[in-house]
Structure formats: C-alpha cells, structure tokens
Amino acid sequence: MTYKGVAKGKIIELEGDVVLPEGTRVRVVPEQPSVVITLTDWLKEARQLRRQLPKTSDSVEILRQMREKRASR
C-alpha cells in the first residue's frame, strides 16, 4: 500500500486518517519537487531563446529545415 504525507523534521505526517501500528517499518521515497516558474521568469527565458534564433522573418522555412533534419536522423 502507498500513503502520502509531509516530512516535518524527523517525523512523516501521513495524509488522511491513516494510522499504522507502532513499530511498523516503512520505506520513504521523497517525491521530486514540482517546478514552479513565474510568468516573468518564463518570458525572460523565452526572450533569451528568441535572441539565439536567426534574425529572419522566414521562420516557416527554418522550421521546415529543422523537421527535415530531424526526419533524416
């Protein structure tokens, strides 16, 4: 069975009404923290990536070439 909970110091507080018998051995596997990005940070990263793209208005052609390269691998 799998239960979820939150670590508080050396104690794991289980969610819900779960009660395990005293002395029950358990295995704790920490979840990966979810990555939260603000809109401001997202826009900043998008602008940095945009600056790396070629200075051209023909983005459709660039995308076509990228797809062709990917397909030929």
PDB file of N, CA and C in Angstrom:
ATOM      1  N   MET A   1       0.834  -1.185   0.000  1.00  0.00           N
ATOM      2  CA  MET A   1       0.000   0.000   0.000  1.00  0.00           C
ATOM      3  C   MET A   1       0.879   1.250   0.000  1.00  0.00           C
ATOM      4  N   THR A   2       0.403   2.290  -0.612  1.00  0.00           N
ATOM      5  CA  THR A   2       1.143   3.551  -0.678  1.00  0.00           C
ATOM      6  C   THR A   2       0.347   4.636   0.016  1.00  0.00           C
ATOM      7  N   TYR A   3       1.043   5.412   0.830  1.00  0.00           N
ATOM      8  CA  TYR A   3       0.421   6.541   1.520  1.00  0.00           C
ATOM      9  C   TYR A   3       1.225   7.783   1.188  1.00  0.00           C
ATOM     10  N   LYS A   4       0.591   8.916   1.247  1.00  0.00           N
ATOM     11  CA  LYS A   4       1.282  10.189   1.040  1.00  0.00           C
ATOM     12  C   LYS A   4       1.327  10.939   2.353  1.00  0.00           C
ATOM     13  N   GLY A   5       2.328  11.779   2.476  1.00  0.00           N
ATOM     14  CA  GLY A   5       2.456  12.556   3.687  1.00  0.00           C
ATOM     15  C   GLY A   5       3.449  13.681   3.500  1.00  0.00           C
ATOM     16  N   VAL A   6       3.743  14.368   4.590  1.00  0.00           N
ATOM     17  CA  VAL A   6       4.652  15.513   4.573  1.00  0.00           C
ATOM     18  C   VAL A   6       5.678  15.320   5.682  1.00  0.00           C
ATOM     19  N   ALA A   7       6.943  15.559   5.350  1.00  0.00           N
ATOM     20  CA  ALA A   7       8.003  15.465   6.349  1.00  0.00           C
ATOM     21  C   ALA A   7       8.013  16.720   7.211  1.00  0.00           C
ATOM     22  N   LYS A   8       8.093  16.517   8.500  1.00  0.00           N
ATOM     23  CA  LYS A   8       8.208  17.618   9.460  1.00  0.00           C
ATOM     24  C   LYS A   8       9.322  17.245  10.411  1.00  0.00           C
ATOM     25  N   GLY A   9      10.535  17.676  10.035  1.00  0.00           N
ATOM     26  CA  GLY A   9      11.706  17.263  10.803  1.00  0.00           C
ATOM     27  C   GLY A   9      11.948  15.784  10.557  1.00  0.00           C
ATOM     28  N   LYS A  10      12.041  15.007  11.642  1.00  0.00           N
ATOM     29  CA  LYS A  10      12.258  13.569  11.512  1.00  0.00           C
ATOM     30  C   LYS A  10      10.947  12.781  11.507  1.00  0.00           C
ATOM     31  N   ILE A  11       9.831  13.466  11.471  1.00  0.00           N
ATOM     32  CA  ILE A  11       8.519  12.821  11.515  1.00  0.00           C
ATOM     33  C   ILE A  11       7.837  12.969  10.158  1.00  0.00           C
ATOM     34  N   ILE A  12       7.219  11.880   9.691  1.00  0.00           N
ATOM     35  CA  ILE A  12       6.423  11.919   8.461  1.00  0.00           C
ATOM     36  C   ILE A  12       4.962  11.918   8.886  1.00  0.00           C
ATOM     37  N   GLU A  13       4.253  12.992   8.572  1.00  0.00           N
ATOM     38  CA  GLU A  13       2.832  13.094   8.905  1.00  0.00           C
ATOM     39  C   GLU A  13       2.036  12.628   7.695  1.00  0.00           C
ATOM     40  N   LEU A  14       1.333  11.495   7.859  1.00  0.00           N
ATOM     41  CA  LEU A  14       0.574  10.923   6.754  1.00  0.00           C
ATOM     42  C   LEU A  14      -0.722  11.680   6.531  1.00  0.00           C
ATOM     43  N   GLU A  15      -1.128  11.761   5.256  1.00  0.00           N
ATOM     44  CA  GLU A  15      -2.380  12.433   4.915  1.00  0.00           C
ATOM     45  C   GLU A  15      -3.562  11.544   5.267  1.00  0.00           C
ATOM     46  N   GLY A  16      -4.678  12.139   5.582  1.00  0.00           N
ATOM     47  CA  GLY A  16      -5.905  11.396   5.857  1.00  0.00           C
ATOM     48  C   GLY A  16      -5.913  10.781   7.246  1.00  0.00           C
ATOM     49  N   ASP A  17      -6.716   9.757   7.393  1.00  0.00           N
ATOM     50  CA  ASP A  17      -6.892   9.105   8.691  1.00  0.00           C
ATOM     51  C   ASP A  17      -6.045   7.845   8.821  1.00  0.00           C
ATOM     52  N   VAL A  18      -4.894   7.812   8.189  1.00  0.00           N
ATOM     53  CA  VAL A  18      -4.048   6.625   8.211  1.00  0.00           C
ATOM     54  C   VAL A  18      -3.375   6.505   9.585  1.00  0.00           C
ATOM     55  N   VAL A  19      -3.498   5.330  10.179  1.00  0.00           N
ATOM     56  CA  VAL A  19      -2.820   5.040  11.439  1.00  0.00           C
ATOM     57  C   VAL A  19      -2.113   3.701  11.264  1.00  0.00           C
ATOM     58  N   LEU A  20      -0.805   3.708  11.387  1.00  0.00           N
ATOM     59  CA  LEU A  20      -0.040   2.478  11.295  1.00  0.00           C
ATOM     60  C   LEU A  20       0.302   2.009  12.704  1.00  0.00           C
ATOM     61  N   PRO A  21       0.345   0.710  12.925  1.00  0.00           N
ATOM     62  CA  PRO A  21       0.698   0.217  14.250  1.00  0.00           C
ATOM     63  C   PRO A  21       2.106   0.675  14.657  1.00  0.00           C
ATOM     64  N   GLU A  22       2.278   0.968  15.914  1.00  0.00           N
ATOM     65  CA  GLU A  22       3.575   1.389  16.452  1.00  0.00           C
ATOM     66  C   GLU A  22       4.633   0.361  16.081  1.00  0.00           C
ATOM     67  N   GLY A  23       5.756   0.831  15.572  1.00  0.00           N
ATOM     68  CA  GLY A  23       6.861  -0.057  15.218  1.00  0.00           C
ATOM     69  C   GLY A  23       6.818  -0.576  13.799  1.00  0.00           C
ATOM     70  N   THR A  24       5.794  -0.187  13.027  1.00  0.00           N
ATOM     71  CA  THR A  24       5.699  -0.630  11.632  1.00  0.00           C
ATOM     72  C   THR A  24       6.874  -0.057  10.850  1.00  0.00           C
ATOM     73  N   ARG A  25       7.586  -0.952  10.155  1.00  0.00           N
ATOM     74  CA  ARG A  25       8.707  -0.487   9.326  1.00  0.00           C
ATOM     75  C   ARG A  25       8.136   0.075   8.024  1.00  0.00           C
ATOM     76  N   VAL A  26       8.675   1.190   7.579  1.00  0.00           N
ATOM     77  CA  VAL A  26       8.205   1.834   6.362  1.00  0.00           C
ATOM     78  C   VAL A  26       9.390   2.201   5.485  1.00  0.00           C
ATOM     79  N   ARG A  27       9.106   2.442   4.228  1.00  0.00           N
ATOM     80  CA  ARG A  27      10.119   2.936   3.286  1.00  0.00           C
ATOM     81  C   ARG A  27       9.628   4.287   2.794  1.00  0.00           C
ATOM     82  N   VAL A  28      10.474   5.293   2.885  1.00  0.00           N
ATOM     83  CA  VAL A  28      10.096   6.648   2.462  1.00  0.00           C
ATOM     84  C   VAL A  28      10.850   6.977   1.184  1.00  0.00           C
ATOM     85  N   VAL A  29      10.096   7.343   0.152  1.00  0.00           N
ATOM     86  CA  VAL A  29      10.682   7.736  -1.131  1.00  0.00           C
ATOM     87  C   VAL A  29      10.241   9.160  -1.403  1.00  0.00           C
ATOM     88  N   PRO A  30      11.153  10.135  -1.249  1.00  0.00           N
ATOM     89  CA  PRO A  30      10.767  11.533  -1.477  1.00  0.00           C
ATOM     90  C   PRO A  30      10.332  11.765  -2.922  1.00  0.00           C
ATOM     91  N   GLU A  31       9.293  12.558  -3.089  1.00  0.00           N
ATOM     92  CA  GLU A  31       8.836  12.959  -4.418  1.00  0.00           C
ATOM     93  C   GLU A  31       9.710  14.100  -4.908  1.00  0.00           C
ATOM     94  N   GLN A  32       9.840  14.177  -6.211  1.00  0.00           N
ATOM     95  CA  GLN A  32      10.563  15.296  -6.799  1.00  0.00           C
ATOM     96  C   GLN A  32       9.732  16.555  -6.603  1.00  0.00           C
ATOM     97  N   PRO A  33      10.360  17.631  -6.165  1.00  0.00           N
ATOM     98  CA  PRO A  33       9.581  18.860  -6.011  1.00  0.00           C
ATOM     99  C   PRO A  33       9.090  19.346  -7.367  1.00  0.00           C
ATOM    100  N   SER A  34       7.875  19.830  -7.401  1.00  0.00           N
ATOM    101  CA  SER A  34       7.352  20.351  -8.657  1.00  0.00           C
ATOM    102  C   SER A  34       8.031  21.682  -8.960  1.00  0.00           C
ATOM    103  N   VAL A  35       8.312  21.879 -10.226  1.00  0.00           N
ATOM    104  CA  VAL A  35       8.984  23.103 -10.651  1.00  0.00           C
ATOM    105  C   VAL A  35       7.921  24.153 -10.921  1.00  0.00           C
ATOM    106  N   VAL A  36       8.011  25.227 -10.191  1.00  0.00           N
ATOM    107  CA  VAL A  36       7.075  26.330 -10.374  1.00  0.00           C
ATOM    108  C   VAL A  36       7.854  27.481 -11.001  1.00  0.00           C
ATOM    109  N   ILE A  37       7.373  27.943 -12.126  1.00  0.00           N
ATOM    110  CA  ILE A  37       8.038  29.054 -12.800  1.00  0.00           C
ATOM    111  C   ILE A  37       7.029  30.185 -12.952  1.00  0.00           C
ATOM    112  N   THR A  38       7.464  31.361 -12.627  1.00  0.00           N
ATOM    113  CA  THR A  38       6.577  32.519 -12.743  1.00  0.00           C
ATOM    114  C   THR A  38       6.495  32.945 -14.202  1.00  0.00           C
ATOM    115  N   LEU A  39       5.453  33.672 -14.530  1.00  0.00           N
ATOM    116  CA  LEU A  39       5.307  34.174 -15.897  1.00  0.00           C
ATOM    117  C   LEU A  39       6.490  35.054 -16.268  1.00  0.00           C
ATOM    118  N   THR A  40       6.941  35.864 -15.338  1.00  0.00           N
ATOM    119  CA  THR A  40       8.084  36.749 -15.595  1.00  0.00           C
ATOM    120  C   THR A  40       9.320  35.944 -15.958  1.00  0.00           C
ATOM    121  N   ASP A  41       9.603  34.879 -15.192  1.00  0.00           N
ATOM    122  CA  ASP A  41      10.771  34.035 -15.486  1.00  0.00           C
ATOM    123  C   ASP A  41      10.607  33.315 -16.820  1.00  0.00           C
ATOM    124  N   TRP A  42       9.365  32.846 -17.095  1.00  0.00           N
ATOM    125  CA  TRP A  42       9.116  32.158 -18.354  1.00  0.00           C
ATOM    126  C   TRP A  42       9.369  33.091 -19.533  1.00  0.00           C
ATOM    127  N   LEU A  43       8.863  34.323 -19.433  1.00  0.00           N
ATOM    128  CA  LEU A  43       9.063  35.301 -20.510  1.00  0.00           C
ATOM    129  C   LEU A  43      10.538  35.641 -20.685  1.00  0.00           C
ATOM    130  N   LYS A  44      11.252  35.762 -19.575  1.00  0.00           N
ATOM    131  CA  LYS A  44      12.688  36.057 -19.636  1.00  0.00           C
ATOM    132  C   LYS A  44      13.419  34.947 -20.383  1.00  0.00           C
ATOM    133  N   GLU A  45      13.101  33.682 -20.054  1.00  0.00           N
ATOM    134  CA  GLU A  45      13.737  32.557 -20.731  1.00  0.00           C
ATOM    135  C   GLU A  45      13.351  32.507 -22.207  1.00  0.00           C
ATOM    136  N   ALA A  46      12.080  32.779 -22.517  1.00  0.00           N
ATOM    137  CA  ALA A  46      11.629  32.779 -23.906  1.00  0.00           C
ATOM    138  C   ALA A  46      12.357  33.850 -24.717  1.00  0.00           C
ATOM    139  N   ARG A  47      12.552  35.006 -24.114  1.00  0.00           N
ATOM    140  CA  ARG A  47      13.269  36.082 -24.827  1.00  0.00           C
ATOM    141  C   ARG A  47      14.726  35.707 -25.074  1.00  0.00           C
ATOM    142  N   GLN A  48      15.348  35.047 -24.103  1.00  0.00           N
ATOM    143  CA  GLN A  48      16.741  34.620 -24.291  1.00  0.00           C
ATOM    144  C   GLN A  48      16.841  33.611 -25.435  1.00  0.00           C
ATOM    145  N   LEU A  49      15.885  32.676 -25.475  1.00  0.00           N
ATOM    146  CA  LEU A  49      15.885  31.697 -26.561  1.00  0.00           C
ATOM    147  C   LEU A  49      15.631  32.365 -27.902  1.00  0.00           C
ATOM    148  N   ARG A  50      14.738  33.341 -27.934  1.00  0.00           N
ATOM    149  CA  ARG A  50      14.431  34.047 -29.185  1.00  0.00           C
ATOM    150  C   ARG A  50      15.658  34.770 -29.720  1.00  0.00           C
ATOM    151  N   ARG A  51      16.469  35.327 -28.820  1.00  0.00           N
ATOM    152  CA  ARG A  51      17.681  36.039 -29.259  1.00  0.00           C
ATOM    153  C   ARG A  51      18.676  35.095 -29.924  1.00  0.00           C
ATOM    154  N   GLN A  52      18.584  33.814 -29.622  1.00  0.00           N
ATOM    155  CA  GLN A  52      19.504  32.845 -30.213  1.00  0.00           C
ATOM    156  C   GLN A  52      19.068  32.416 -31.616  1.00  0.00           C
ATOM    157  N   LEU A  53      17.817  32.697 -31.974  1.00  0.00           N
ATOM    158  CA  LEU A  53      17.327  32.321 -33.293  1.00  0.00           C
ATOM    159  C   LEU A  53      17.881  33.255 -34.358  1.00  0.00           C
ATOM    160  N   PRO A  54      18.000  32.778 -35.581  1.00  0.00           N
ATOM    161  CA  PRO A  54      18.490  33.642 -36.661  1.00  0.00           C
ATOM    162  C   PRO A  54      17.584  34.859 -36.840  1.00  0.00           C
ATOM    163  N   LYS A  55      18.182  35.951 -37.249  1.00  0.00           N
ATOM    164  CA  LYS A  55      17.437  37.203 -37.478  1.00  0.00           C
ATOM    165  C   LYS A  55      16.817  37.160 -38.873  1.00  0.00           C
ATOM    166  N   THR A  56      15.658  36.524 -38.978  1.00  0.00           N
ATOM    167  CA  THR A  56      14.990  36.407 -40.262  1.00  0.00           C
ATOM    168  C   THR A  56      13.486  36.366 -40.043  1.00  0.00           C
ATOM    169  N   SER A  57      12.762  36.748 -41.046  1.00  0.00           N
ATOM    170  CA  SER A  57      11.304  36.704 -40.932  1.00  0.00           C
ATOM    171  C   SER A  57      10.759  35.393 -41.481  1.00  0.00           C
ATOM    172  N   ASP A  58      11.632  34.553 -42.028  1.00  0.00           N
ATOM    173  CA  ASP A  58      11.189  33.327 -42.665  1.00  0.00           C
ATOM    174  C   ASP A  58      11.258  32.153 -41.675  1.00  0.00           C
ATOM    175  N   SER A  59      10.530  32.254 -40.591  1.00  0.00           N
ATOM    176  CA  SER A  59      10.570  31.212 -39.568  1.00  0.00           C
ATOM    177  C   SER A  59       9.947  29.904 -40.050  1.00  0.00           C
ATOM    178  N   VAL A  60       9.011  29.985 -40.983  1.00  0.00           N
ATOM    179  CA  VAL A  60       8.386  28.773 -41.522  1.00  0.00           C
ATOM    180  C   VAL A  60       9.437  27.922 -42.221  1.00  0.00           C
ATOM    181  N   GLU A  61      10.299  28.564 -42.976  1.00  0.00           N
ATOM    182  CA  GLU A  61      11.367  27.843 -43.678  1.00  0.00           C
ATOM    183  C   GLU A  61      12.343  27.220 -42.686  1.00  0.00           C
ATOM    184  N   ILE A  62      12.660  27.942 -41.636  1.00  0.00           N
ATOM    185  CA  ILE A  62      13.573  27.417 -40.611  1.00  0.00           C
ATOM    186  C   ILE A  62      12.953  26.178 -39.954  1.00  0.00           C
ATOM    187  N   LEU A  63      11.687  26.243 -39.617  1.00  0.00           N
ATOM    188  CA  LEU A  63      11.017  25.094 -39.008  1.00  0.00           C
ATOM    189  C   LEU A  63      10.982  23.902 -39.968  1.00  0.00           C
ATOM    190  N   ARG A  64      10.744  24.170 -41.243  1.00  0.00           N
ATOM    191  CA  ARG A  64      10.730  23.093 -42.240  1.00  0.00           C
ATOM    192  C   ARG A  64      12.089  22.406 -42.296  1.00  0.00           C
ATOM    193  N   GLN A  65      13.154  23.196 -42.313  1.00  0.00           N
ATOM    194  CA  GLN A  65      14.503  22.644 -42.353  1.00  0.00           C
ATOM    195  C   GLN A  65      14.808  21.829 -41.098  1.00  0.00           C
ATOM    196  N   MET A  66      14.353  22.314 -39.947  1.00  0.00           N
ATOM    197  CA  MET A  66      14.579  21.584 -38.708  1.00  0.00           C
ATOM    198  C   MET A  66      13.863  20.241 -38.740  1.00  0.00           C
ATOM    199  N   ARG A  67      12.622  20.228 -39.248  1.00  0.00           N
ATOM    200  CA  ARG A  67      11.869  18.973 -39.341  1.00  0.00           C
ATOM    201  C   ARG A  67      12.556  17.990 -40.283  1.00  0.00           C
ATOM    202  N   GLU A  68      13.068  18.499 -41.411  1.00  0.00           N
ATOM    203  CA  GLU A  68      13.758  17.633 -42.364  1.00  0.00           C
ATOM    204  C   GLU A  68      15.010  17.016 -41.749  1.00  0.00           C
ATOM    205  N   LYS A  69      15.761  17.814 -41.022  1.00  0.00           N
ATOM    206  CA  LYS A  69      16.958  17.307 -40.359  1.00  0.00           C
ATOM    207  C   LYS A  69      16.602  16.230 -39.345  1.00  0.00           C
ATOM    208  N   ARG A  70      15.555  16.482 -38.581  1.00  0.00           N
ATOM    209  CA  ARG A  70      15.120  15.536 -37.567  1.00  0.00           C
ATOM    210  C   ARG A  70      14.656  14.229 -38.212  1.00  0.00           C
ATOM    211  N   ALA A  71      13.938  14.347 -39.339  1.00  0.00           N
ATOM    212  CA  ALA A  71      13.406  13.163 -40.005  1.00  0.00           C
ATOM    213  C   ALA A  71      14.517  12.327 -40.642  1.00  0.00           C
ATOM    214  N   SER A  72      15.618  12.960 -41.022  1.00  0.00           N
ATOM    215  CA  SER A  72      16.698  12.234 -41.705  1.00  0.00           C
ATOM    216  C   SER A  72      17.649  11.559 -40.713  1.00  0.00           C
ATOM    217  N   ARG A  73      17.444  11.719 -39.436  1.00  0.00           N
ATOM    218  CA  ARG A  73      18.347  11.084 -38.448  1.00  0.00           C
ATOM    219  C   ARG A  73      18.124   9.611 -38.376  1.00  0.00           C
TER     220      ARG A  73
END
